[in-house]
Amino acid sequence: MSPYRCNSCGSKEFRADRALAGRLICRNCGLPLGNSNRTSSRKRQSGFSSNLPYLYIVLGVTILVIILR
C-alpha cells in the first residue's frame, strides 16, 4: 500500500507512468502525484490580480453612492 495520497481525489492507488519518466500517476483521476488541481494552482500564481476588475466596480459604485448623497 502506498503511503501517498492524491491531492485531487484522496486515492491511495498509483501507477508509474513511463511516458513521464516513471512519475506516479493516480489511478482514479489521472493526475501526477504532487500536482493539485490545475485551476487552483493558476489562481495561486495570479494572486489578487484576477479580482482587480471586480475591485474597480465596487470602488466605482461606492464613490457614486458617496457623491450622490
N, C-alpha and C. Protein backbone atom coordinates (compact mmCIF):
# COMPACT_ATOMS: atom_id res chain seq x y z
N MET A 1 0.85 -1.18 0.00
CA MET A 1 0.00 0.00 0.00
C MET A 1 0.89 1.24 0.00
N SER A 2 0.51 2.21 -0.76
CA SER A 2 1.28 3.44 -0.89
C SER A 2 1.01 4.38 0.29
N PRO A 3 2.06 5.00 0.84
CA PRO A 3 1.85 5.96 1.93
C PRO A 3 1.36 7.31 1.41
N TYR A 4 1.32 7.50 0.10
CA TYR A 4 0.93 8.77 -0.51
C TYR A 4 -0.57 8.82 -0.75
N ARG A 5 -1.10 10.03 -0.81
CA ARG A 5 -2.50 10.26 -1.16
C ARG A 5 -2.54 11.27 -2.29
N CYS A 6 -3.50 11.08 -3.19
CA CYS A 6 -3.69 12.01 -4.29
C CYS A 6 -4.26 13.32 -3.73
N ASN A 7 -3.70 14.45 -4.17
CA ASN A 7 -4.18 15.75 -3.71
C ASN A 7 -5.56 16.08 -4.26
N SER A 8 -5.92 15.49 -5.38
CA SER A 8 -7.18 15.81 -6.03
C SER A 8 -8.34 14.97 -5.50
N CYS A 9 -8.17 13.64 -5.49
CA CYS A 9 -9.29 12.77 -5.14
C CYS A 9 -9.11 12.00 -3.84
N GLY A 10 -7.89 12.01 -3.26
CA GLY A 10 -7.66 11.32 -1.99
C GLY A 10 -7.35 9.84 -2.12
N SER A 11 -7.23 9.34 -3.32
CA SER A 11 -6.96 7.92 -3.54
C SER A 11 -5.53 7.57 -3.13
N LYS A 12 -5.33 6.30 -2.78
CA LYS A 12 -4.00 5.80 -2.44
C LYS A 12 -3.47 4.86 -3.52
N GLU A 13 -4.17 4.78 -4.65
CA GLU A 13 -3.76 3.88 -5.72
C GLU A 13 -3.04 4.65 -6.82
N PHE A 14 -1.78 4.27 -7.07
CA PHE A 14 -0.96 4.94 -8.07
C PHE A 14 -0.33 3.92 -9.00
N ARG A 15 0.12 4.41 -10.14
CA ARG A 15 0.88 3.59 -11.07
C ARG A 15 2.01 4.46 -11.61
N ALA A 16 3.10 3.83 -12.02
CA ALA A 16 4.22 4.55 -12.60
C ALA A 16 3.96 4.74 -14.09
N ASP A 17 4.08 5.95 -14.57
CA ASP A 17 3.86 6.26 -15.98
C ASP A 17 5.20 6.40 -16.68
N ARG A 18 5.47 5.51 -17.61
CA ARG A 18 6.75 5.53 -18.30
C ARG A 18 6.92 6.75 -19.20
N ALA A 19 5.82 7.29 -19.69
CA ALA A 19 5.90 8.47 -20.54
C ALA A 19 6.34 9.70 -19.75
N LEU A 20 6.14 9.68 -18.45
CA LEU A 20 6.55 10.79 -17.58
C LEU A 20 7.74 10.39 -16.72
N ALA A 21 8.63 9.58 -17.26
CA ALA A 21 9.87 9.15 -16.60
C ALA A 21 9.61 8.44 -15.28
N GLY A 22 8.56 7.63 -15.24
CA GLY A 22 8.28 6.83 -14.05
C GLY A 22 7.54 7.56 -12.96
N ARG A 23 7.06 8.73 -13.24
CA ARG A 23 6.35 9.52 -12.24
C ARG A 23 5.06 8.81 -11.84
N LEU A 24 4.69 8.91 -10.57
CA LEU A 24 3.49 8.25 -10.08
C LEU A 24 2.24 9.01 -10.52
N ILE A 25 1.28 8.26 -11.06
CA ILE A 25 0.02 8.81 -11.56
C ILE A 25 -1.12 8.16 -10.78
N CYS A 26 -2.10 8.96 -10.36
CA CYS A 26 -3.26 8.43 -9.64
C CYS A 26 -4.09 7.56 -10.59
N ARG A 27 -4.49 6.40 -10.12
CA ARG A 27 -5.30 5.51 -10.96
C ARG A 27 -6.74 6.00 -11.10
N ASN A 28 -7.22 6.78 -10.16
CA ASN A 28 -8.62 7.24 -10.21
C ASN A 28 -8.80 8.48 -11.09
N CYS A 29 -8.00 9.52 -10.84
CA CYS A 29 -8.23 10.78 -11.56
C CYS A 29 -7.18 11.05 -12.64
N GLY A 30 -6.03 10.36 -12.60
CA GLY A 30 -5.02 10.51 -13.64
C GLY A 30 -4.04 11.66 -13.45
N LEU A 31 -4.11 12.36 -12.33
CA LEU A 31 -3.17 13.45 -12.08
C LEU A 31 -1.86 12.92 -11.49
N PRO A 32 -0.73 13.53 -11.85
CA PRO A 32 0.54 13.11 -11.26
C PRO A 32 0.59 13.42 -9.77
N LEU A 33 1.30 12.57 -9.03
CA LEU A 33 1.46 12.78 -7.60
C LEU A 33 2.19 14.09 -7.36
N GLY A 34 1.70 14.89 -6.44
CA GLY A 34 2.32 16.17 -6.13
C GLY A 34 1.66 17.34 -6.84
N ASN A 35 0.82 17.08 -7.81
CA ASN A 35 0.10 18.16 -8.51
C ASN A 35 -1.30 18.24 -7.96
N SER A 36 -1.74 19.46 -7.67
CA SER A 36 -3.12 19.65 -7.28
C SER A 36 -3.91 20.01 -8.52
N ASN A 37 -5.13 20.38 -8.33
CA ASN A 37 -5.96 20.79 -9.45
C ASN A 37 -5.29 21.95 -10.19
N ARG A 38 -5.24 21.89 -11.49
CA ARG A 38 -4.50 22.89 -12.26
C ARG A 38 -5.10 24.28 -12.14
N THR A 39 -6.41 24.39 -12.02
CA THR A 39 -7.00 25.72 -11.92
C THR A 39 -6.65 26.37 -10.60
N SER A 40 -6.59 25.59 -9.53
CA SER A 40 -6.25 26.19 -8.25
C SER A 40 -4.81 26.65 -8.21
N SER A 41 -3.91 25.94 -8.89
CA SER A 41 -2.52 26.39 -8.90
C SER A 41 -2.39 27.66 -9.73
N ARG A 42 -3.21 27.80 -10.77
CA ARG A 42 -3.19 29.03 -11.55
C ARG A 42 -3.69 30.21 -10.72
N LYS A 43 -4.68 29.99 -9.90
CA LYS A 43 -5.20 31.05 -9.06
C LYS A 43 -4.15 31.51 -8.05
N ARG A 44 -3.38 30.57 -7.51
CA ARG A 44 -2.35 30.95 -6.55
C ARG A 44 -1.28 31.80 -7.22
N GLN A 45 -0.93 31.50 -8.46
CA GLN A 45 0.11 32.24 -9.14
C GLN A 45 -0.35 33.65 -9.52
N SER A 46 -1.61 33.78 -9.88
CA SER A 46 -2.09 35.08 -10.33
C SER A 46 -2.36 36.04 -9.18
N GLY A 47 -2.53 35.52 -7.98
CA GLY A 47 -2.77 36.37 -6.81
C GLY A 47 -4.12 37.06 -6.90
N PHE A 48 -4.16 38.33 -6.50
CA PHE A 48 -5.42 39.05 -6.48
C PHE A 48 -5.69 39.79 -7.78
N SER A 49 -4.81 39.68 -8.75
CA SER A 49 -4.99 40.43 -9.99
C SER A 49 -6.24 39.99 -10.75
N SER A 50 -6.70 38.75 -10.55
CA SER A 50 -7.91 38.31 -11.23
C SER A 50 -9.15 38.98 -10.64
N ASN A 51 -9.06 39.48 -9.40
CA ASN A 51 -10.18 40.16 -8.77
C ASN A 51 -10.13 41.66 -9.00
N LEU A 52 -9.16 42.14 -9.74
CA LEU A 52 -8.99 43.57 -9.93
C LEU A 52 -10.18 44.24 -10.62
N PRO A 53 -10.74 43.69 -11.70
CA PRO A 53 -11.92 44.34 -12.31
C PRO A 53 -13.10 44.43 -11.33
N TYR A 54 -13.30 43.40 -10.56
CA TYR A 54 -14.37 43.41 -9.56
C TYR A 54 -14.12 44.50 -8.53
N LEU A 55 -12.86 44.67 -8.13
CA LEU A 55 -12.50 45.70 -7.16
C LEU A 55 -12.80 47.09 -7.71
N TYR A 56 -12.50 47.32 -8.99
CA TYR A 56 -12.78 48.61 -9.62
C TYR A 56 -14.28 48.90 -9.66
N ILE A 57 -15.07 47.90 -9.94
CA ILE A 57 -16.53 48.09 -9.99
C ILE A 57 -17.06 48.46 -8.62
N VAL A 58 -16.63 47.74 -7.59
CA VAL A 58 -17.10 48.02 -6.23
C VAL A 58 -16.64 49.41 -5.80
N LEU A 59 -15.41 49.76 -6.11
CA LEU A 59 -14.90 51.08 -5.76
C LEU A 59 -15.67 52.18 -6.48
N GLY A 60 -15.98 51.98 -7.75
CA GLY A 60 -16.73 52.96 -8.52
C GLY A 60 -18.14 53.16 -7.98
N VAL A 61 -18.82 52.08 -7.64
CA VAL A 61 -20.17 52.18 -7.10
C VAL A 61 -20.14 52.88 -5.74
N THR A 62 -19.15 52.57 -4.93
CA THR A 62 -19.02 53.21 -3.62
C THR A 62 -18.82 54.71 -3.76
N ILE A 63 -17.97 55.13 -4.68
CA ILE A 63 -17.73 56.56 -4.90
C ILE A 63 -19.00 57.24 -5.40
N LEU A 64 -19.75 56.59 -6.30
CA LEU A 64 -21.01 57.17 -6.79
C LEU A 64 -22.01 57.35 -5.65
N VAL A 65 -22.12 56.37 -4.77
CA VAL A 65 -23.05 56.46 -3.66
C VAL A 65 -22.67 57.61 -2.73
N ILE A 66 -21.36 57.78 -2.48
CA ILE A 66 -20.91 58.87 -1.63
C ILE A 66 -21.19 60.22 -2.27
N ILE A 67 -20.95 60.36 -3.56
CA ILE A 67 -21.16 61.63 -4.27
C ILE A 67 -22.64 61.98 -4.34
N LEU A 68 -23.51 61.01 -4.56
CA LEU A 68 -24.94 61.28 -4.73
C LEU A 68 -25.66 61.53 -3.42
N ARG A 69 -25.04 61.33 -2.32
CA ARG A 69 -25.72 61.59 -1.02
C ARG A 69 -25.74 63.01 -0.75
